Amino acid sequence: MQKGLVIIPTYNESANIERIINIILAVSQKLEILVIDDNSPDNTANIIRKMKKKNGRIHLKTRPRKLGLGTAYVMGFEYALKNKYDFAFEMDADFSHDPIELPNFINLLDSYDLIIGSRYVQGISVVNWPMKRLLLSYSACVFARVVTGVPVRDLTSGFKCYSRKALSCIDWQKFKVDGYGFQIQSVYSVHMAGLHLKEIPIIFVERRAGESKMSKRIIWEAWWLVWKLRLLSIFNGKRFTKK
């Protein structure tokens, strides 16, 4: 049986982490979980340590301080490759991504290398966002799609499943961006590697507990990255793929 890894970066997610781990493990026997915690002061890591003692499908990496979403996923992808997982998920801890959807991604792995949980592939499927934030997110995705030429409607989605082939062909150590930028660059890189992408509709629900980690710095970083990727697609589109 194939096995997959759900990678969950955390910072102050004690209100959500135990419940979401239990649901993920219940929806598919193929799945294991790697939590990468950035020294949460709210006891997140200790909750996971207790769960880990009782279940070998739970794994934990801790870091000394907040080091960002992008570096957490790079660590997770390298862990997945080293430990011979067949596929790996990106997923938030706050229930904005419904873990019940995970099998829908897994079922497509025979045909696709990157499956993206999309808020915009069938209209707009976002709950509890103010109109200003919704317009910003949707406009950013349209802008990124037009400028980069990547035929994906939700380039900033953080709910994804990568095949081992997709994980292996990208040089993740070259990624120097975070947040939205990391999400855009990861999809761009898989696309430029000539692999097969698929968007599936999800309903994104704004976090139920805890605080958002979004910042203006992350938004501006993503804006500049889009233009950089446009130039790369003209001169060296496969910069982030392994030779």
C-alpha atoms as a PDB file:
ATOM      1  CA  MET A   1       0.000   0.000   0.000  1.00  0.00           C
ATOM      2  CA  GLN A   2       1.252   3.460  -0.860  1.00  0.00           C
ATOM      3  CA  LYS A   3       1.859   5.841   2.010  1.00  0.00           C
ATOM      4  CA  GLY A   4       1.548   9.615   2.088  1.00  0.00           C
ATOM      5  CA  LEU A   5       2.649  12.374   4.410  1.00  0.00           C
ATOM      6  CA  VAL A   6       0.489  15.314   5.458  1.00  0.00           C
ATOM      7  CA  ILE A   7       2.825  18.201   6.305  1.00  0.00           C
ATOM      8  CA  ILE A   8       1.376  20.730   8.751  1.00  0.00           C
ATOM      9  CA  PRO A   9       3.420  23.788   9.777  1.00  0.00           C
ATOM     10  CA  THR A  10       2.281  25.190  13.129  1.00  0.00           C
ATOM     11  CA  TYR A  11       2.629  28.227  15.302  1.00  0.00           C
ATOM     12  CA  ASN A  12       0.177  28.545  18.195  1.00  0.00           C
ATOM     13  CA  GLU A  13      -2.286  25.912  16.976  1.00  0.00           C
ATOM     14  CA  SER A  14      -3.084  24.207  20.290  1.00  0.00           C
ATOM     15  CA  ALA A  15      -6.785  24.934  19.787  1.00  0.00           C
ATOM     16  CA  ASN A  16      -6.883  22.894  16.549  1.00  0.00           C
ATOM     17  CA  ILE A  17      -4.031  20.440  16.308  1.00  0.00           C
ATOM     18  CA  GLU A  18      -5.294  17.413  18.240  1.00  0.00           C
ATOM     19  CA  ARG A  19      -8.657  17.338  16.512  1.00  0.00           C
ATOM     20  CA  ILE A  20      -7.302  17.801  12.993  1.00  0.00           C
ATOM     21  CA  ILE A  21      -4.669  15.086  13.492  1.00  0.00           C
ATOM     22  CA  ASN A  22      -7.314  12.613  14.648  1.00  0.00           C
ATOM     23  CA  ILE A  23      -9.526  13.330  11.633  1.00  0.00           C
ATOM     24  CA  ILE A  24      -6.644  13.038   9.128  1.00  0.00           C
ATOM     25  CA  LEU A  25      -5.582   9.666  10.520  1.00  0.00           C
ATOM     26  CA  ALA A  26      -9.181   8.445  10.378  1.00  0.00           C
ATOM     27  CA  VAL A  27      -9.915   9.396   6.751  1.00  0.00           C
ATOM     28  CA  SER A  28      -7.187   7.217   5.220  1.00  0.00           C
ATOM     29  CA  GLN A  29      -4.892   4.463   6.469  1.00  0.00           C
ATOM     30  CA  LYS A  30      -2.390   5.578   3.807  1.00  0.00           C
ATOM     31  CA  LEU A  31      -1.663   8.824   5.624  1.00  0.00           C
ATOM     32  CA  GLU A  32       0.895   9.806   8.222  1.00  0.00           C
ATOM     33  CA  ILE A  33       1.409  13.306   9.632  1.00  0.00           C
ATOM     34  CA  LEU A  34       4.470  15.490  10.069  1.00  0.00           C
ATOM     35  CA  VAL A  35       3.945  18.596  12.186  1.00  0.00           C
ATOM     36  CA  ILE A  36       6.672  21.241  11.937  1.00  0.00           C
ATOM     37  CA  ASP A  37       6.314  23.554  14.906  1.00  0.00           C
ATOM     38  CA  ASP A  38       8.091  26.908  15.189  1.00  0.00           C
ATOM     39  CA  ASN A  39       8.502  26.951  18.979  1.00  0.00           C
ATOM     40  CA  SER A  40       4.850  27.734  19.704  1.00  0.00           C
ATOM     41  CA  PRO A  41       4.489  29.278  23.176  1.00  0.00           C
ATOM     42  CA  ASP A  42       0.947  27.868  23.502  1.00  0.00           C
ATOM     43  CA  ASN A  43       2.023  24.226  24.049  1.00  0.00           C
ATOM     44  CA  THR A  44       1.322  22.979  20.502  1.00  0.00           C
ATOM     45  CA  ALA A  45       4.444  20.795  20.377  1.00  0.00           C
ATOM     46  CA  ASN A  46       3.763  19.170  23.738  1.00  0.00           C
ATOM     47  CA  ILE A  47       0.282  18.168  22.608  1.00  0.00           C
ATOM     48  CA  ILE A  48       1.812  16.462  19.576  1.00  0.00           C
ATOM     49  CA  ARG A  49       4.502  14.741  21.668  1.00  0.00           C
ATOM     50  CA  LYS A  50       1.814  13.126  23.812  1.00  0.00           C
ATOM     51  CA  MET A  51      -0.123  11.971  20.744  1.00  0.00           C
ATOM     52  CA  LYS A  52       3.064  10.720  19.083  1.00  0.00           C
ATOM     53  CA  LYS A  53       3.780   8.337  21.963  1.00  0.00           C
ATOM     54  CA  LYS A  54       0.478   6.584  21.286  1.00  0.00           C
ATOM     55  CA  ASN A  55       0.533   6.563  17.471  1.00  0.00           C
ATOM     56  CA  GLY A  56       3.488   5.848  15.192  1.00  0.00           C
ATOM     57  CA  ARG A  57       1.828   7.632  12.271  1.00  0.00           C
ATOM     58  CA  ILE A  58       2.434  10.991  13.945  1.00  0.00           C
ATOM     59  CA  HIS A  59       5.810  12.732  13.532  1.00  0.00           C
ATOM     60  CA  LEU A  60       7.137  16.018  14.879  1.00  0.00           C
ATOM     61  CA  LYS A  61       9.916  18.421  13.963  1.00  0.00           C
ATOM     62  CA  THR A  62      10.521  21.501  16.103  1.00  0.00           C
ATOM     63  CA  ARG A  63      12.383  24.665  15.196  1.00  0.00           C
ATOM     64  CA  PRO A  64      13.806  27.304  17.547  1.00  0.00           C
ATOM     65  CA  ARG A  65      11.694  30.235  16.321  1.00  0.00           C
ATOM     66  CA  LYS A  66       9.287  31.381  13.618  1.00  0.00           C
ATOM     67  CA  LEU A  67      11.083  30.580  10.366  1.00  0.00           C
ATOM     68  CA  GLY A  68       8.192  30.793   7.929  1.00  0.00           C
ATOM     69  CA  LEU A  69       5.864  28.588   5.943  1.00  0.00           C
ATOM     70  CA  GLY A  70       8.147  28.109   2.955  1.00  0.00           C
ATOM     71  CA  THR A  71      11.112  26.705   4.885  1.00  0.00           C
ATOM     72  CA  ALA A  72       8.746  24.460   6.850  1.00  0.00           C
ATOM     73  CA  TYR A  73       7.438  22.882   3.657  1.00  0.00           C
ATOM     74  CA  VAL A  74      10.943  22.481   2.247  1.00  0.00           C
ATOM     75  CA  MET A  75      11.861  20.604   5.439  1.00  0.00           C
ATOM     76  CA  GLY A  76       8.733  18.497   5.097  1.00  0.00           C
ATOM     77  CA  PHE A  77       9.343  17.626   1.445  1.00  0.00           C
ATOM     78  CA  GLU A  78      12.899  16.559   2.220  1.00  0.00           C
ATOM     79  CA  TYR A  79      11.608  14.423   5.082  1.00  0.00           C
ATOM     80  CA  ALA A  80       9.078  12.805   2.734  1.00  0.00           C
ATOM     81  CA  LEU A  81      11.738  11.984   0.149  1.00  0.00           C
ATOM     82  CA  LYS A  82      14.230  10.677   2.711  1.00  0.00           C
ATOM     83  CA  ASN A  83      11.633   8.427   4.326  1.00  0.00           C
ATOM     84  CA  LYS A  84      10.298   7.095   1.020  1.00  0.00           C
ATOM     85  CA  TYR A  85       6.746   8.453   1.082  1.00  0.00           C
ATOM     86  CA  ASP A  86       4.875   8.098  -2.202  1.00  0.00           C
ATOM     87  CA  PHE A  87       3.153  11.488  -1.967  1.00  0.00           C
ATOM     88  CA  ALA A  88       2.921  14.497   0.328  1.00  0.00           C
ATOM     89  CA  PHE A  89       0.302  17.096   1.212  1.00  0.00           C
ATOM     90  CA  GLU A  90       0.497  20.733   2.144  1.00  0.00           C
ATOM     91  CA  MET A  91      -2.259  21.568   4.592  1.00  0.00           C
ATOM     92  CA  ASP A  92      -3.143  24.161   7.234  1.00  0.00           C
ATOM     93  CA  ALA A  93      -3.810  23.219  10.850  1.00  0.00           C
ATOM     94  CA  ASP A  94      -6.770  25.544  11.353  1.00  0.00           C
ATOM     95  CA  PHE A  95      -9.560  23.642   9.495  1.00  0.00           C
ATOM     96  CA  SER A  96      -9.631  26.147   6.647  1.00  0.00           C
ATOM     97  CA  HIS A  97      -8.782  23.006   4.635  1.00  0.00           C
ATOM     98  CA  ASP A  98     -11.253  20.213   5.307  1.00  0.00           C
ATOM     99  CA  PRO A  99      -9.383  16.941   6.005  1.00  0.00           C
ATOM    100  CA  ILE A 100     -12.367  14.989   4.695  1.00  0.00           C
ATOM    101  CA  GLU A 101     -11.239  16.069   1.204  1.00  0.00           C
ATOM    102  CA  LEU A 102      -7.886  14.252   1.412  1.00  0.00           C
ATOM    103  CA  PRO A 103      -9.021  10.985  -0.290  1.00  0.00           C
ATOM    104  CA  ASN A 104     -10.241  13.019  -3.294  1.00  0.00           C
ATOM    105  CA  PHE A 105      -6.648  14.113  -3.898  1.00  0.00           C
ATOM    106  CA  ILE A 106      -5.208  10.633  -3.378  1.00  0.00           C
ATOM    107  CA  ASN A 107      -7.586   9.127  -5.941  1.00  0.00           C
ATOM    108  CA  LEU A 108      -6.083  11.334  -8.677  1.00  0.00           C
ATOM    109  CA  LEU A 109      -2.418  10.479  -8.096  1.00  0.00           C
ATOM    110  CA  ASP A 110      -2.351   7.805 -10.798  1.00  0.00           C
ATOM    111  CA  SER A 111      -2.977  10.508 -13.410  1.00  0.00           C
ATOM    112  CA  TYR A 112      -1.500  13.710 -11.968  1.00  0.00           C
ATOM    113  CA  ASP A 113       1.699  14.847 -10.239  1.00  0.00           C
ATOM    114  CA  LEU A 114       0.263  17.869  -8.438  1.00  0.00           C
ATOM    115  CA  ILE A 115      -3.335  18.153  -7.307  1.00  0.00           C
ATOM    116  CA  ILE A 116      -4.417  21.592  -6.107  1.00  0.00           C
ATOM    117  CA  GLY A 117      -7.386  22.225  -3.844  1.00  0.00           C
ATOM    118  CA  SER A 118      -8.847  25.240  -5.611  1.00  0.00           C
ATOM    119  CA  ARG A 119     -11.107  27.971  -4.248  1.00  0.00           C
ATOM    120  CA  TYR A 120     -11.697  29.402  -7.721  1.00  0.00           C
ATOM    121  CA  VAL A 121     -11.917  26.542 -10.221  1.00  0.00           C
ATOM    122  CA  GLN A 122     -15.728  26.436  -9.937  1.00  0.00           C
ATOM    123  CA  GLY A 123     -16.732  29.997  -9.195  1.00  0.00           C
ATOM    124  CA  ILE A 124     -15.673  31.257  -5.748  1.00  0.00           C
ATOM    125  CA  SER A 125     -15.785  28.848  -2.794  1.00  0.00           C
ATOM    126  CA  VAL A 126     -14.697  30.847   0.248  1.00  0.00           C
ATOM    127  CA  VAL A 127     -16.557  31.145   3.560  1.00  0.00           C
ATOM    128  CA  ASN A 128     -16.219  33.883   6.215  1.00  0.00           C
ATOM    129  CA  TRP A 129     -13.899  36.229   4.328  1.00  0.00           C
ATOM    130  CA  PRO A 130     -14.673  39.964   4.146  1.00  0.00           C
ATOM    131  CA  MET A 131     -15.251  41.214   0.613  1.00  0.00           C
ATOM    132  CA  LYS A 132     -11.991  43.205   0.589  1.00  0.00           C
ATOM    133  CA  ARG A 133      -9.874  40.135   1.338  1.00  0.00           C
ATOM    134  CA  LEU A 134     -11.802  37.986  -1.126  1.00  0.00           C
ATOM    135  CA  LEU A 135     -11.292  40.502  -3.927  1.00  0.00           C
ATOM    136  CA  LEU A 136      -7.592  40.797  -3.070  1.00  0.00           C
ATOM    137  CA  SER A 137      -7.076  37.023  -3.149  1.00  0.00           C
ATOM    138  CA  TYR A 138      -9.077  36.442  -6.324  1.00  0.00           C
ATOM    139  CA  SER A 139      -7.426  39.371  -8.137  1.00  0.00           C
ATOM    140  CA  ALA A 140      -3.978  38.162  -7.045  1.00  0.00           C
ATOM    141  CA  CYS A 141      -4.649  34.724  -8.521  1.00  0.00           C
ATOM    142  CA  VAL A 142      -5.874  36.195 -11.819  1.00  0.00           C
ATOM    143  CA  PHE A 143      -2.822  38.477 -11.935  1.00  0.00           C
ATOM    144  CA  ALA A 144      -0.419  35.615 -11.190  1.00  0.00           C
ATOM    145  CA  ARG A 145      -2.015  33.342 -13.777  1.00  0.00           C
ATOM    146  CA  VAL A 146      -1.890  35.957 -16.531  1.00  0.00           C
ATOM    147  CA  VAL A 147       1.669  37.111 -15.828  1.00  0.00           C
ATOM    148  CA  THR A 148       3.287  33.680 -15.277  1.00  0.00           C
ATOM    149  CA  GLY A 149       1.235  31.849 -17.898  1.00  0.00           C
ATOM    150  CA  VAL A 150       0.576  28.939 -15.524  1.00  0.00           C
ATOM    151  CA  PRO A 151      -2.935  27.610 -16.338  1.00  0.00           C
ATOM    152  CA  VAL A 152      -4.113  27.341 -12.712  1.00  0.00           C
ATOM    153  CA  ARG A 153      -6.909  29.456 -11.251  1.00  0.00           C
ATOM    154  CA  ASP A 154      -5.814  29.245  -7.607  1.00  0.00           C
ATOM    155  CA  LEU A 155      -2.055  29.719  -7.638  1.00  0.00           C
ATOM    156  CA  THR A 156      -1.966  30.750  -3.976  1.00  0.00           C
ATOM    157  CA  SER A 157      -3.769  27.684  -2.637  1.00  0.00           C
ATOM    158  CA  GLY A 158      -2.121  26.075   0.390  1.00  0.00           C
ATOM    159  CA  PHE A 159      -3.976  22.761   0.039  1.00  0.00           C
ATOM    160  CA  LYS A 160      -1.973  20.566  -2.343  1.00  0.00           C
ATOM    161  CA  CYS A 161      -0.857  17.002  -2.953  1.00  0.00           C
ATOM    162  CA  TYR A 162       2.470  16.262  -4.670  1.00  0.00           C
ATOM    163  CA  SER A 163       3.465  12.930  -6.151  1.00  0.00           C
ATOM    164  CA  ARG A 164       6.926  11.664  -5.267  1.00  0.00           C
ATOM    165  CA  LYS A 165       7.935  12.434  -8.847  1.00  0.00           C
ATOM    166  CA  ALA A 166       6.934  16.087  -8.383  1.00  0.00           C
ATOM    167  CA  LEU A 167       8.783  16.335  -5.069  1.00  0.00           C
ATOM    168  CA  SER A 168      11.900  14.747  -6.545  1.00  0.00           C
ATOM    169  CA  CYS A 169      12.226  16.894  -9.650  1.00  0.00           C
ATOM    170  CA  ILE A 170      12.180  20.294  -7.897  1.00  0.00           C
ATOM    171  CA  ASP A 171      15.256  21.813  -6.243  1.00  0.00           C
ATOM    172  CA  TRP A 172      13.504  23.044  -3.111  1.00  0.00           C
ATOM    173  CA  GLN A 173      16.693  24.519  -1.669  1.00  0.00           C
ATOM    174  CA  LYS A 174      16.527  27.252  -4.313  1.00  0.00           C
ATOM    175  CA  PHE A 175      13.218  28.514  -2.917  1.00  0.00           C
ATOM    176  CA  LYS A 176      13.746  31.750  -0.992  1.00  0.00           C
ATOM    177  CA  VAL A 177      10.142  32.911  -0.636  1.00  0.00           C
ATOM    178  CA  ASP A 178       7.377  32.446   1.913  1.00  0.00           C
ATOM    179  CA  GLY A 179       3.588  32.390   2.126  1.00  0.00           C
ATOM    180  CA  TYR A 180       1.788  33.224  -1.116  1.00  0.00           C
ATOM    181  CA  GLY A 181       5.114  33.430  -2.931  1.00  0.00           C
ATOM    182  CA  PHE A 182       6.040  29.897  -1.997  1.00  0.00           C
ATOM    183  CA  GLN A 183       2.694  28.587  -3.206  1.00  0.00           C
ATOM    184  CA  ILE A 184       2.975  30.363  -6.557  1.00  0.00           C
ATOM    185  CA  GLN A 185       6.575  29.300  -7.131  1.00  0.00           C
ATOM    186  CA  SER A 186       5.893  25.656  -6.268  1.00  0.00           C
ATOM    187  CA  VAL A 187       3.073  25.358  -8.825  1.00  0.00           C
ATOM    188  CA  TYR A 188       5.109  27.283 -11.410  1.00  0.00           C
ATOM    189  CA  SER A 189       8.085  24.948 -10.931  1.00  0.00           C
ATOM    190  CA  VAL A 190       6.066  21.749 -11.282  1.00  0.00           C
ATOM    191  CA  HIS A 191       4.371  23.159 -14.377  1.00  0.00           C
ATOM    192  CA  MET A 192       7.689  24.177 -15.957  1.00  0.00           C
ATOM    193  CA  ALA A 193       9.028  20.681 -15.256  1.00  0.00           C
ATOM    194  CA  GLY A 194       6.392  19.397 -17.680  1.00  0.00           C
ATOM    195  CA  LEU A 195       4.420  17.447 -15.090  1.00  0.00           C
ATOM    196  CA  HIS A 196       0.659  17.043 -14.934  1.00  0.00           C
ATOM    197  CA  LEU A 197      -1.415  19.395 -12.764  1.00  0.00           C
ATOM    198  CA  LYS A 198      -5.050  19.160 -11.725  1.00  0.00           C
ATOM    199  CA  GLU A 199      -7.290  21.575  -9.824  1.00  0.00           C
ATOM    200  CA  ILE A 200     -10.170  20.177  -7.818  1.00  0.00           C
ATOM    201  CA  PRO A 201     -12.830  22.300  -6.115  1.00  0.00           C
ATOM    202  CA  ILE A 202     -12.718  22.769  -2.353  1.00  0.00           C
ATOM    203  CA  ILE A 203     -14.583  25.016   0.057  1.00  0.00           C
ATOM    204  CA  PHE A 204     -12.161  27.208   1.977  1.00  0.00           C
ATOM    205  CA  VAL A 205     -13.392  28.194   5.437  1.00  0.00           C
ATOM    206  CA  GLU A 206     -11.665  30.990   7.348  1.00  0.00           C
ATOM    207  CA  ARG A 207      -9.913  29.706  10.485  1.00  0.00           C
ATOM    208  CA  ARG A 208     -12.137  28.802  13.428  1.00  0.00           C
ATOM    209  CA  ALA A 209      -9.603  29.348  16.208  1.00  0.00           C
ATOM    210  CA  GLY A 210      -6.245  31.063  16.587  1.00  0.00           C
ATOM    211  CA  GLU A 211      -4.779  33.983  14.631  1.00  0.00           C
ATOM    212  CA  SER A 212      -3.978  34.468  10.951  1.00  0.00           C
ATOM    213  CA  LYS A 213      -0.265  34.519  10.001  1.00  0.00           C
ATOM    214  CA  MET A 214      -0.734  36.670   6.868  1.00  0.00           C
ATOM    215  CA  SER A 215       1.230  39.931   6.579  1.00  0.00           C
ATOM    216  CA  LYS A 216       1.755  42.784   4.110  1.00  0.00           C
ATOM    217  CA  ARG A 217       5.369  41.651   3.647  1.00  0.00           C
ATOM    218  CA  ILE A 218       4.221  38.256   2.359  1.00  0.00           C
ATOM    219  CA  ILE A 219       1.764  39.891  -0.054  1.00  0.00           C
ATOM    220  CA  TRP A 220       4.375  42.254  -1.522  1.00  0.00           C
ATOM    221  CA  GLU A 221       6.919  39.455  -1.774  1.00  0.00           C
ATOM    222  CA  ALA A 222       4.454  37.435  -3.854  1.00  0.00           C
ATOM    223  CA  TRP A 223       3.708  40.431  -6.111  1.00  0.00           C
ATOM    224  CA  TRP A 224       7.366  40.903  -7.023  1.00  0.00           C
ATOM    225  CA  LEU A 225       7.884  37.159  -7.388  1.00  0.00           C
ATOM    226  CA  VAL A 226       5.233  36.925 -10.104  1.00  0.00           C
ATOM    227  CA  TRP A 227       7.202  39.311 -12.330  1.00  0.00           C
ATOM    228  CA  LYS A 228      10.422  37.454 -11.586  1.00  0.00           C
ATOM    229  CA  LEU A 229       8.828  34.177 -12.644  1.00  0.00           C
ATOM    230  CA  ARG A 230       7.591  35.818 -15.838  1.00  0.00           C
ATOM    231  CA  LEU A 231      11.158  36.744 -16.732  1.00  0.00           C
ATOM    232  CA  LEU A 232      12.386  33.279 -15.802  1.00  0.00           C
ATOM    233  CA  SER A 233       9.796  31.677 -18.070  1.00  0.00           C
ATOM    234  CA  ILE A 234      11.313  33.635 -20.957  1.00  0.00           C
ATOM    235  CA  PHE A 235      15.001  33.057 -20.203  1.00  0.00           C
ATOM    236  CA  ASN A 236      15.321  30.073 -17.847  1.00  0.00           C
ATOM    237  CA  GLY A 237      11.963  28.544 -16.962  1.00  0.00           C
ATOM    238  CA  LYS A 238      13.451  25.406 -15.438  1.00  0.00           C
ATOM    239  CA  ARG A 239      15.683  27.166 -12.923  1.00  0.00           C
ATOM    240  CA  PHE A 240      14.024  25.409  -9.982  1.00  0.00           C
ATOM    241  CA  THR A 241      14.051  21.909 -11.456  1.00  0.00           C
ATOM    242  CA  LYS A 242      16.830  19.425 -10.823  1.00  0.00           C
ATOM    243  CA  LYS A 243      19.069  18.576 -13.746  1.00  0.00           C
END
